[in-house]
Amino acid sequence: MNILLITVDQLRWDAISCSGNHEIETPHIDRLSSQGARFTYAFTNAPACMPARSSLLTGRFPHAHGVRGGGVRLSEQEVTFPQILSQRGYHTAHIGKLHVQNHTYRDHTSPHPSYGYRTLQVTDERGTYRDPYTQWVERHYPEYAKAVRIEPGASRVRNGTDHMSSEGSFPAKASHSRWVSDTSIEFLREHGGTPFMLWASFFDPHSPFIVPSDWANKYDPNSLSLPRNCEITPENEYAIRSKKAAYYALVSHVDDCIGRLLHYLDESGLAEHTTVMLSSDHGEFLGDWGRWGKGRSEDESIRIPMVIRTPDMKGKPRVIEDVVQLFDLAPTICDLTNSMKPQSMQARSLLPLLKGELDEERTPFALVEINMEVSRINTTEVFEKTYRSKEYRLTLWSSQQEGVLYDLNKDPLQLNNVWGEPDYKDIQAELIWQLLQRLMETENTLPARTHPF
């Protein structure tokens, strides 16, 4: 069994048409969903790139692998699923955004830690560094080499331009997304004859929303709905709509690139022996709650799309409503390839659910973690833990005596915080206990105990 893992950075769970969004066009993701299984209650392990991707690689919670937020590198001592598959003889490859090392202030021409990959082409941002993507543009489309360049993320945050939207001065053929799909297809042409595990990792639609020129008019801003719980004024309405249109255009462009990749699987015959997995690392507020980006515990930030198609599932689509998490893909990949799962993995394989079986040992809620510095001046860190089931969301902070609790059956938009209300006293206590128990169950047990004393 070959594995093709596709991740789309900062893709909201409901920003694909097969999830019920009639404003956006994602025909290739929809086709993948129609041939496989779509998970409707999938959540990230952390609403930020570095901890989420570290959890995906290791099958471990952020509090276990130690990447508790942005700016903390994943230890090279961690056991990753590419390492495990490499030992089984797989050609493991990663093309695109990895981001388990800090990408700011790093020499991107120096070798990247392998984390078990045999082929590794890392471009953690789009057009920012001297990396495989910018060198590809220089070789194939030198006329756009300057046009694809943008300032580093740290500078964009400082300058307040990180969530800008604009039409790029380059076409889709020179985009980062096209580089990911074309380079992935090149890998499959060269190595598809041997067992492979390829992670094709798209940066778009991550901010800033710079749309290739031939996709810039894909969506009419005036035809799109406005964000929820956001202060809309005559002065900001069109700008908000335009940013949403740019985000949607990037999603559709990535979908088109995914279509190219899936088409190659079909025409080459590789689809008959390849499991395709699609997910994102976290969501995007897209103006809801007056916010852009991610990093918080609302569903816009923590809920993600997830689709899996195995060769024997074609034509038998399924919708799975069990609560699952991003890092569950790691042990699933191990099971699909008959690889040994290390004891350190805390995630559960999705294989029983894919077979239509009950998984009674699966925890019926997600544990989502993030921590942040109070400010760039005050580096004290605030830890945030979220319990998210189908029925409730509970979020606690290390800096506060009170949390938030939402009854999702009565309040699906999470507008009415019932924390501390008498009618929810017992429920609140039970959820806190379940969250604490989950944290204790998943305490880090590395390094392994080698002797009683």
Protein backbone atom coordinates (compact mmCIF):
# COMPACT_ATOMS: atom_id res chain seq x y z
CA MET A 1 0.00 0.00 0.00
CA ASN A 2 1.37 3.40 -1.03
CA ILE A 3 0.43 6.53 0.89
CA LEU A 4 -0.25 10.00 -0.52
CA LEU A 5 -0.86 12.49 2.28
CA ILE A 6 -2.11 15.91 1.15
CA THR A 7 -2.29 18.81 3.57
CA VAL A 8 -3.71 22.24 2.80
CA ASP A 9 -2.49 24.86 5.25
CA GLN A 10 -5.10 26.90 7.14
CA LEU A 11 -8.08 25.31 5.34
CA ARG A 12 -11.35 25.66 7.27
CA TRP A 13 -13.45 22.55 7.68
CA ASP A 14 -16.35 24.24 5.89
CA ALA A 15 -14.37 25.88 3.07
CA ILE A 16 -14.95 22.96 0.70
CA SER A 17 -18.17 22.44 -1.19
CA CYS A 18 -18.70 18.82 -0.09
CA SER A 19 -19.11 20.11 3.48
CA GLY A 20 -22.17 22.07 2.37
CA ASN A 21 -20.54 25.34 1.34
CA HIS A 22 -22.34 26.44 -1.84
CA GLU A 23 -20.23 29.57 -2.31
CA ILE A 24 -16.99 27.79 -3.16
CA GLU A 25 -15.95 25.31 -5.88
CA THR A 26 -13.67 22.42 -4.91
CA PRO A 27 -14.57 19.71 -7.45
CA HIS A 28 -11.47 17.57 -6.97
CA ILE A 29 -11.68 17.40 -3.18
CA ASP A 30 -15.39 16.69 -3.64
CA ARG A 31 -14.58 13.81 -5.99
CA LEU A 32 -12.10 12.40 -3.49
CA SER A 33 -14.78 12.61 -0.82
CA SER A 34 -17.31 10.89 -3.08
CA GLN A 35 -14.93 7.96 -3.47
CA GLY A 36 -13.83 7.66 0.17
CA ALA A 37 -14.68 8.65 3.71
CA ARG A 38 -15.23 12.18 4.97
CA PHE A 39 -14.84 12.86 8.68
CA THR A 40 -17.27 15.58 9.80
CA TYR A 41 -15.92 15.96 13.35
CA ALA A 42 -12.18 16.22 12.77
CA PHE A 43 -10.12 18.57 14.92
CA THR A 44 -6.52 19.69 15.02
CA ASN A 45 -4.29 18.98 18.00
CA ALA A 46 -3.28 22.64 18.12
CA PRO A 47 -4.53 25.73 16.25
CA ALA A 48 -1.03 26.65 15.06
CA CYS A 49 1.30 25.22 12.44
CA MET A 50 4.30 23.95 14.40
CA PRO A 51 2.56 22.02 17.21
CA ALA A 52 -0.12 20.64 14.86
CA ARG A 53 2.39 19.38 12.31
CA SER A 54 4.59 17.94 15.05
CA SER A 55 1.58 16.00 16.34
CA LEU A 56 0.86 14.70 12.85
CA LEU A 57 4.44 13.50 12.43
CA THR A 58 4.66 11.81 15.83
CA GLY A 59 1.09 10.80 16.70
CA ARG A 60 1.60 12.58 20.03
CA PHE A 61 -0.02 15.51 21.82
CA PRO A 62 1.83 18.83 22.04
CA HIS A 63 2.32 18.40 25.79
CA ALA A 64 4.13 15.13 25.02
CA HIS A 65 6.34 16.05 22.03
CA GLY A 66 7.12 19.45 23.56
CA VAL A 67 6.24 21.74 20.63
CA ARG A 68 3.76 23.68 22.70
CA GLY A 69 3.43 26.58 20.24
CA GLY A 70 5.14 28.46 17.47
CA GLY A 71 8.89 28.99 17.77
CA VAL A 72 9.60 25.64 19.49
CA ARG A 73 11.40 23.13 17.29
CA LEU A 74 10.47 19.45 17.17
CA SER A 75 13.21 17.34 18.72
CA GLU A 76 15.06 15.13 16.27
CA GLN A 77 14.88 12.39 18.93
CA GLU A 78 11.11 12.04 18.43
CA VAL A 79 9.94 8.93 16.57
CA THR A 80 8.03 9.88 13.40
CA PHE A 81 5.92 7.82 11.03
CA PRO A 82 8.33 8.51 8.11
CA GLN A 83 11.10 6.89 10.18
CA ILE A 84 8.94 3.84 10.77
CA LEU A 85 8.00 3.50 7.10
CA SER A 86 11.60 4.03 6.00
CA GLN A 87 12.58 1.00 8.07
CA ARG A 88 9.89 -0.95 6.21
CA GLY A 89 11.57 -0.09 2.90
CA TYR A 90 9.31 2.76 1.82
CA HIS A 91 10.67 5.72 -0.10
CA THR A 92 9.45 8.51 2.18
CA ALA A 93 9.19 12.01 0.75
CA HIS A 94 7.96 15.43 1.82
CA ILE A 95 7.37 18.22 -0.69
CA GLY A 96 6.18 21.64 0.46
CA LYS A 97 5.59 23.12 3.89
CA LEU A 98 6.85 21.06 6.83
CA HIS A 99 7.37 23.75 9.52
CA VAL A 100 8.52 21.75 12.50
CA GLN A 101 11.69 23.85 12.58
CA ASN A 102 11.62 27.63 12.92
CA HIS A 103 11.72 29.08 9.42
CA THR A 104 12.61 32.62 10.44
CA TYR A 105 16.34 33.28 10.96
CA ARG A 106 17.24 29.90 9.45
CA ASP A 107 19.55 29.30 6.51
CA HIS A 108 17.20 27.64 4.03
CA THR A 109 20.10 26.53 1.84
CA SER A 110 21.43 24.31 4.65
CA PRO A 111 20.24 20.68 4.95
CA HIS A 112 17.01 20.33 6.90
CA PRO A 113 16.77 17.64 9.62
CA SER A 114 15.32 14.59 7.88
CA TYR A 115 12.81 13.39 10.52
CA GLY A 116 12.89 10.07 8.68
CA TYR A 117 12.37 11.38 5.13
CA ARG A 118 14.55 10.08 2.32
CA THR A 119 13.48 12.87 -0.07
CA LEU A 120 12.88 16.27 1.50
CA GLN A 121 12.07 19.48 -0.37
CA VAL A 122 10.97 21.98 2.27
CA THR A 123 9.55 25.43 1.57
CA ASP A 124 7.97 26.66 4.81
CA GLU A 125 6.75 29.93 3.31
CA ARG A 126 5.76 31.01 -0.18
CA GLY A 127 8.43 33.02 -2.01
CA THR A 128 10.26 34.22 1.09
CA TYR A 129 13.54 32.34 1.19
CA ARG A 130 16.19 30.87 -1.09
CA ASP A 131 14.57 27.43 -1.11
CA PRO A 132 13.46 24.74 -3.59
CA TYR A 133 10.37 26.71 -4.67
CA THR A 134 12.11 29.99 -5.47
CA GLN A 135 14.90 28.11 -7.25
CA TRP A 136 12.26 26.23 -9.29
CA VAL A 137 10.72 29.53 -10.37
CA GLU A 138 14.15 30.88 -11.30
CA ARG A 139 14.80 27.82 -13.49
CA HIS A 140 11.42 27.47 -15.18
CA TYR A 141 9.84 30.93 -15.02
CA PRO A 142 12.68 33.44 -14.50
CA GLU A 143 10.43 36.29 -15.64
CA TYR A 144 8.39 35.80 -12.42
CA ALA A 145 11.30 35.27 -10.02
CA LYS A 146 10.87 38.72 -8.46
CA ALA A 147 7.08 38.69 -8.64
CA VAL A 148 6.70 35.64 -6.36
CA ARG A 149 8.84 37.17 -3.63
CA ILE A 150 7.20 38.32 -0.37
CA GLU A 151 8.60 39.54 2.93
CA PRO A 152 9.11 37.02 5.77
CA GLY A 153 6.18 36.24 8.05
CA ALA A 154 7.77 37.90 11.07
CA SER A 155 8.08 41.14 9.11
CA ARG A 156 4.50 40.88 7.88
CA VAL A 157 3.18 40.48 11.41
CA ARG A 158 5.26 43.44 12.58
CA ASN A 159 4.15 45.58 9.63
CA GLY A 160 0.50 44.59 9.92
CA THR A 161 0.42 43.16 6.38
CA ASP A 162 0.14 39.46 7.21
CA HIS A 163 -3.55 39.32 6.36
CA MET A 164 -3.48 41.48 3.28
CA SER A 165 -5.10 40.22 0.07
CA SER A 166 -3.95 41.12 -3.40
CA GLU A 167 -3.63 39.95 -6.99
CA GLY A 168 -0.17 38.59 -7.62
CA SER A 169 1.97 39.61 -10.57
CA PHE A 170 2.49 35.97 -11.54
CA PRO A 171 0.25 33.28 -13.08
CA ALA A 172 -0.80 29.98 -11.55
CA LYS A 173 1.89 28.05 -13.40
CA ALA A 174 4.53 29.81 -11.28
CA SER A 175 2.69 29.54 -7.94
CA HIS A 176 3.86 27.67 -4.89
CA SER A 177 0.82 25.38 -5.12
CA ARG A 178 1.69 24.44 -8.68
CA TRP A 179 5.27 23.76 -7.58
CA VAL A 180 3.98 21.34 -4.94
CA SER A 181 1.76 19.44 -7.39
CA ASP A 182 4.28 19.39 -10.27
CA THR A 183 7.17 18.34 -8.04
CA SER A 184 5.00 15.68 -6.41
CA ILE A 185 4.11 14.30 -9.84
CA GLU A 186 7.80 14.25 -10.75
CA PHE A 187 8.48 12.23 -7.62
CA LEU A 188 5.72 9.77 -8.50
CA ARG A 189 7.05 9.36 -12.04
CA GLU A 190 10.50 8.55 -10.70
CA HIS A 191 9.63 6.50 -7.62
CA GLY A 192 6.06 5.27 -8.12
CA GLY A 193 7.34 1.81 -8.99
CA THR A 194 8.53 1.21 -5.44
CA PRO A 195 6.56 1.49 -2.18
CA PHE A 196 6.29 5.18 -1.33
CA MET A 197 4.87 7.55 1.24
CA LEU A 198 4.58 11.07 -0.12
CA TRP A 199 3.40 14.07 1.89
CA ALA A 200 2.40 16.83 -0.54
CA SER A 201 2.03 19.91 1.64
CA PHE A 202 0.41 23.05 0.22
CA PHE A 203 1.10 26.45 1.82
CA ASP A 204 -1.99 28.13 0.37
CA PRO A 205 -4.50 29.38 1.42
CA HIS A 206 -2.32 30.59 4.31
CA SER A 207 -2.06 34.37 4.62
CA PRO A 208 -1.16 36.69 3.00
CA PHE A 209 -3.88 35.98 0.44
CA ILE A 210 -1.88 36.67 -2.74
CA VAL A 211 -3.81 35.14 -5.63
CA PRO A 212 -2.21 34.17 -8.97
CA SER A 213 -3.27 36.66 -11.64
CA ASP A 214 -5.30 34.15 -13.66
CA TRP A 215 -7.33 33.16 -10.57
CA ALA A 216 -7.85 36.64 -9.15
CA ASN A 217 -11.39 37.06 -10.49
CA LYS A 218 -12.61 33.59 -9.58
CA TYR A 219 -15.13 34.92 -7.04
CA ASP A 220 -17.19 38.08 -6.97
CA PRO A 221 -16.76 39.61 -3.49
CA ASN A 222 -20.30 40.97 -3.55
CA SER A 223 -21.75 37.48 -4.00
CA LEU A 224 -20.18 36.09 -0.81
CA SER A 225 -21.72 36.00 2.65
CA LEU A 226 -20.33 38.21 5.38
CA PRO A 227 -18.51 36.83 8.43
CA ARG A 228 -20.42 35.94 11.57
CA ASN A 229 -20.13 37.95 14.80
CA CYS A 230 -18.08 40.60 13.04
CA GLU A 231 -18.60 44.35 13.12
CA ILE A 232 -19.45 45.30 9.53
CA THR A 233 -19.49 48.93 8.45
CA PRO A 234 -19.96 50.59 5.06
CA GLU A 235 -16.26 51.44 5.20
CA ASN A 236 -14.94 47.90 5.79
CA GLU A 237 -17.56 45.70 4.10
CA TYR A 238 -16.00 45.48 0.65
CA ALA A 239 -12.50 44.94 2.04
CA ILE A 240 -13.78 42.03 4.15
CA ARG A 241 -15.63 40.52 1.20
CA SER A 242 -12.53 40.90 -0.98
CA LYS A 243 -10.34 39.09 1.54
CA LYS A 244 -12.84 36.24 1.67
CA ALA A 245 -12.93 36.11 -2.15
CA ALA A 246 -9.13 35.94 -2.24
CA TYR A 247 -9.08 33.11 0.32
CA TYR A 248 -11.69 31.19 -1.65
CA ALA A 249 -9.74 31.72 -4.88
CA LEU A 250 -6.60 30.26 -3.26
CA VAL A 251 -8.59 27.27 -2.00
CA SER A 252 -9.95 26.63 -5.50
CA HIS A 253 -6.46 27.01 -6.98
CA VAL A 254 -5.10 24.44 -4.53
CA ASP A 255 -8.04 22.18 -5.39
CA ASP A 256 -7.09 22.46 -9.07
CA CYS A 257 -3.51 21.45 -8.22
CA ILE A 258 -4.78 18.52 -6.15
CA GLY A 259 -6.83 17.51 -9.19
CA ARG A 260 -3.65 17.36 -11.28
CA LEU A 261 -2.07 15.10 -8.68
CA LEU A 262 -5.10 12.80 -8.45
CA HIS A 263 -5.34 12.66 -12.25
CA TYR A 264 -1.75 11.41 -12.42
CA LEU A 265 -2.53 8.70 -9.87
CA ASP A 266 -5.41 7.54 -12.06
CA GLU A 267 -3.65 7.65 -15.44
CA SER A 268 -0.51 5.95 -14.10
CA GLY A 269 -2.44 3.15 -12.39
CA LEU A 270 -0.96 4.09 -9.00
CA ALA A 271 -4.44 4.83 -7.60
CA GLU A 272 -5.08 1.08 -7.46
CA HIS A 273 -2.40 0.71 -4.77
CA THR A 274 -2.44 4.11 -3.08
CA THR A 275 -4.36 5.44 -0.10
CA VAL A 276 -5.00 9.17 -0.37
CA MET A 277 -5.43 11.23 2.80
CA LEU A 278 -6.40 14.90 2.80
CA SER A 279 -6.51 17.27 5.75
CA SER A 280 -5.43 20.67 7.00
CA ASP A 281 -3.31 21.51 10.01
CA HIS A 282 -5.84 24.00 11.44
CA GLY A 283 -8.58 26.38 10.36
CA GLU A 284 -8.95 30.07 9.53
CA PHE A 285 -11.32 32.60 11.15
CA LEU A 286 -11.91 34.37 7.84
CA GLY A 287 -13.42 37.37 9.57
CA ASP A 288 -15.69 35.44 11.95
CA TRP A 289 -15.58 36.95 15.44
CA GLY A 290 -13.77 39.88 13.83
CA ARG A 291 -10.63 37.77 13.49
CA TRP A 292 -8.32 36.50 10.77
CA GLY A 293 -5.88 33.61 11.07
CA LYS A 294 -5.98 30.96 13.77
CA GLY A 295 -4.58 30.39 17.27
CA ARG A 296 -7.79 30.20 19.33
CA SER A 297 -10.24 27.53 20.44
CA GLU A 298 -13.32 28.45 18.40
CA ASP A 299 -14.36 25.93 15.73
CA GLU A 300 -13.27 28.24 12.93
CA SER A 301 -9.72 27.71 14.20
CA ILE A 302 -9.70 24.11 15.50
CA ARG A 303 -12.07 22.19 13.22
CA ILE A 304 -10.51 20.76 10.06
CA PRO A 305 -11.53 18.87 6.91
CA MET A 306 -10.42 15.25 6.65
CA VAL A 307 -10.96 12.80 3.78
CA ILE A 308 -9.45 9.32 3.31
CA ARG A 309 -9.76 7.13 0.22
CA THR A 310 -8.36 3.62 0.20
CA PRO A 311 -8.23 1.64 -3.07
CA ASP A 312 -11.07 -0.67 -1.99
CA MET A 313 -13.40 2.23 -1.10
CA LYS A 314 -13.91 3.66 -4.59
CA GLY A 315 -17.59 4.18 -5.32
CA LYS A 316 -18.56 3.53 -1.68
CA PRO A 317 -18.55 6.99 -0.06
CA ARG A 318 -19.07 7.24 3.67
CA VAL A 319 -19.54 10.05 6.15
CA ILE A 320 -18.00 9.29 9.56
CA GLU A 321 -19.23 11.30 12.54
CA ASP A 322 -16.88 10.00 15.24
CA VAL A 323 -14.66 12.65 16.83
CA VAL A 324 -11.16 12.29 15.40
CA GLN A 325 -7.98 14.35 15.43
CA LEU A 326 -5.21 15.26 13.02
CA PHE A 327 -2.59 13.07 14.70
CA ASP A 328 -4.76 9.97 14.20
CA LEU A 329 -3.40 9.90 10.65
CA ALA A 330 0.02 8.74 11.94
CA PRO A 331 -1.06 5.35 13.39
CA THR A 332 -3.50 4.95 10.49
CA ILE A 333 -0.58 5.19 8.07
CA CYS A 334 1.28 2.60 10.15
CA ASP A 335 -1.70 0.23 10.05
CA LEU A 336 -2.28 0.63 6.32
CA THR A 337 1.37 -0.23 5.60
CA ASN A 338 1.55 -3.05 8.18
CA SER A 339 4.19 -1.10 10.06
CA MET A 340 4.92 -1.33 13.76
CA LYS A 341 3.47 1.49 15.85
CA PRO A 342 5.79 2.76 18.59
CA GLN A 343 4.48 2.76 22.13
CA SER A 344 5.08 6.50 22.23
CA MET A 345 2.16 7.16 19.83
CA GLN A 346 -0.89 8.46 21.71
CA ALA A 347 -3.25 8.69 18.73
CA ARG A 348 -5.62 5.94 17.60
CA SER A 349 -5.75 4.46 14.13
CA LEU A 350 -8.76 5.36 12.00
CA LEU A 351 -8.70 1.97 10.29
CA PRO A 352 -11.58 0.47 12.34
CA LEU A 353 -13.77 3.46 11.46
CA LEU A 354 -12.81 3.17 7.80
CA LYS A 355 -13.92 -0.47 7.90
CA GLY A 356 -17.27 0.52 9.39
CA GLU A 357 -16.45 -0.95 12.79
CA LEU A 358 -17.05 0.52 16.22
CA ASP A 359 -14.01 1.74 18.13
CA GLU A 360 -15.19 1.61 21.71
CA GLU A 361 -11.80 2.64 23.08
CA ARG A 362 -11.76 5.90 21.11
CA THR A 363 -12.13 8.92 23.38
CA PRO A 364 -15.34 10.71 22.30
CA PHE A 365 -13.77 14.15 22.46
CA ALA A 366 -10.80 16.05 21.11
CA LEU A 367 -8.06 17.56 23.26
CA VAL A 368 -6.76 20.73 21.64
CA GLU A 369 -3.73 22.54 23.07
CA ILE A 370 -1.97 25.83 22.49
CA ASN A 371 0.18 28.19 24.48
CA MET A 372 1.27 31.72 23.78
CA GLU A 373 3.49 34.42 25.16
CA VAL A 374 1.70 37.27 26.91
CA SER A 375 3.60 39.65 24.65
CA ARG A 376 6.93 40.03 22.90
CA ILE A 377 8.12 41.93 25.96
CA ASN A 378 6.56 39.68 28.61
CA THR A 379 7.51 36.15 27.59
CA THR A 380 5.43 34.50 30.33
CA GLU A 381 3.46 31.76 28.63
CA VAL A 382 -0.28 31.15 28.96
CA PHE A 383 -1.42 27.55 28.45
CA GLU A 384 -4.80 26.79 26.93
CA LYS A 385 -6.57 23.41 26.92
CA THR A 386 -9.82 22.69 25.09
CA TYR A 387 -12.20 19.76 25.44
CA ARG A 388 -14.34 19.46 22.29
CA SER A 389 -16.98 16.77 21.91
CA LYS A 390 -20.09 16.77 19.75
CA GLU A 391 -22.07 18.12 22.69
CA TYR A 392 -19.74 20.53 24.49
CA ARG A 393 -16.73 22.80 24.22
CA LEU A 394 -14.82 23.55 27.40
CA THR A 395 -11.74 25.79 27.34
CA LEU A 396 -9.43 26.56 30.29
CA TRP A 397 -6.47 28.94 30.60
CA SER A 398 -3.58 28.81 33.04
CA SER A 399 -3.91 32.57 33.59
CA GLN A 400 -7.62 32.62 34.50
CA GLN A 401 -9.79 31.26 37.29
CA GLU A 402 -12.77 30.85 34.97
CA GLY A 403 -13.11 29.15 31.62
CA VAL A 404 -15.77 28.92 28.94
CA LEU A 405 -18.37 26.21 28.44
CA TYR A 406 -20.76 25.91 25.51
CA ASP A 407 -23.70 23.54 25.16
CA LEU A 408 -23.47 22.81 21.45
CA ASN A 409 -26.86 21.10 21.21
CA LYS A 410 -28.55 24.34 22.29
CA ASP A 411 -25.89 26.78 21.12
CA PRO A 412 -24.05 25.47 18.01
CA LEU A 413 -22.57 28.89 17.21
CA GLN A 414 -21.00 29.10 20.68
CA LEU A 415 -22.53 32.44 21.63
CA ASN A 416 -23.72 31.73 25.20
CA ASN A 417 -21.06 30.88 27.78
CA VAL A 418 -22.70 28.76 30.52
CA TRP A 419 -19.57 28.47 32.68
CA GLY A 420 -20.59 28.69 36.33
CA GLU A 421 -24.33 28.48 35.72
CA PRO A 422 -26.09 26.28 38.31
CA ASP A 423 -27.77 24.06 35.71
CA TYR A 424 -24.35 23.11 34.33
CA LYS A 425 -22.50 22.64 37.62
CA ASP A 426 -22.30 18.84 37.40
CA ILE A 427 -21.59 18.80 33.66
CA GLN A 428 -18.80 21.35 34.08
CA ALA A 429 -17.17 19.29 36.84
CA GLU A 430 -17.43 16.09 34.80
CA LEU A 431 -15.89 17.68 31.70
CA ILE A 432 -13.00 19.14 33.70
CA TRP A 433 -12.39 15.70 35.20
CA GLN A 434 -12.43 14.03 31.75
CA LEU A 435 -10.00 16.63 30.43
CA LEU A 436 -7.67 16.12 33.40
CA GLN A 437 -7.86 12.37 33.03
CA ARG A 438 -6.97 12.61 29.33
CA LEU A 439 -3.95 14.76 30.16
CA MET A 440 -2.77 12.22 32.75
CA GLU A 441 -3.33 9.29 30.37
CA THR A 442 -1.08 10.95 27.82
CA GLU A 443 1.80 12.03 30.04
CA ASN A 444 5.09 11.83 28.20
CA THR A 445 6.87 8.50 28.72
CA LEU A 446 10.01 9.39 26.76
CA PRO A 447 12.82 8.77 27.29
CA ALA A 448 11.83 5.19 27.98
CA ARG A 449 12.51 3.66 31.37
CA THR A 450 15.52 1.36 30.98
CA HIS A 451 15.77 -0.11 34.52
CA PRO A 452 13.75 -0.11 37.74
CA PHE A 453 16.24 2.32 39.34
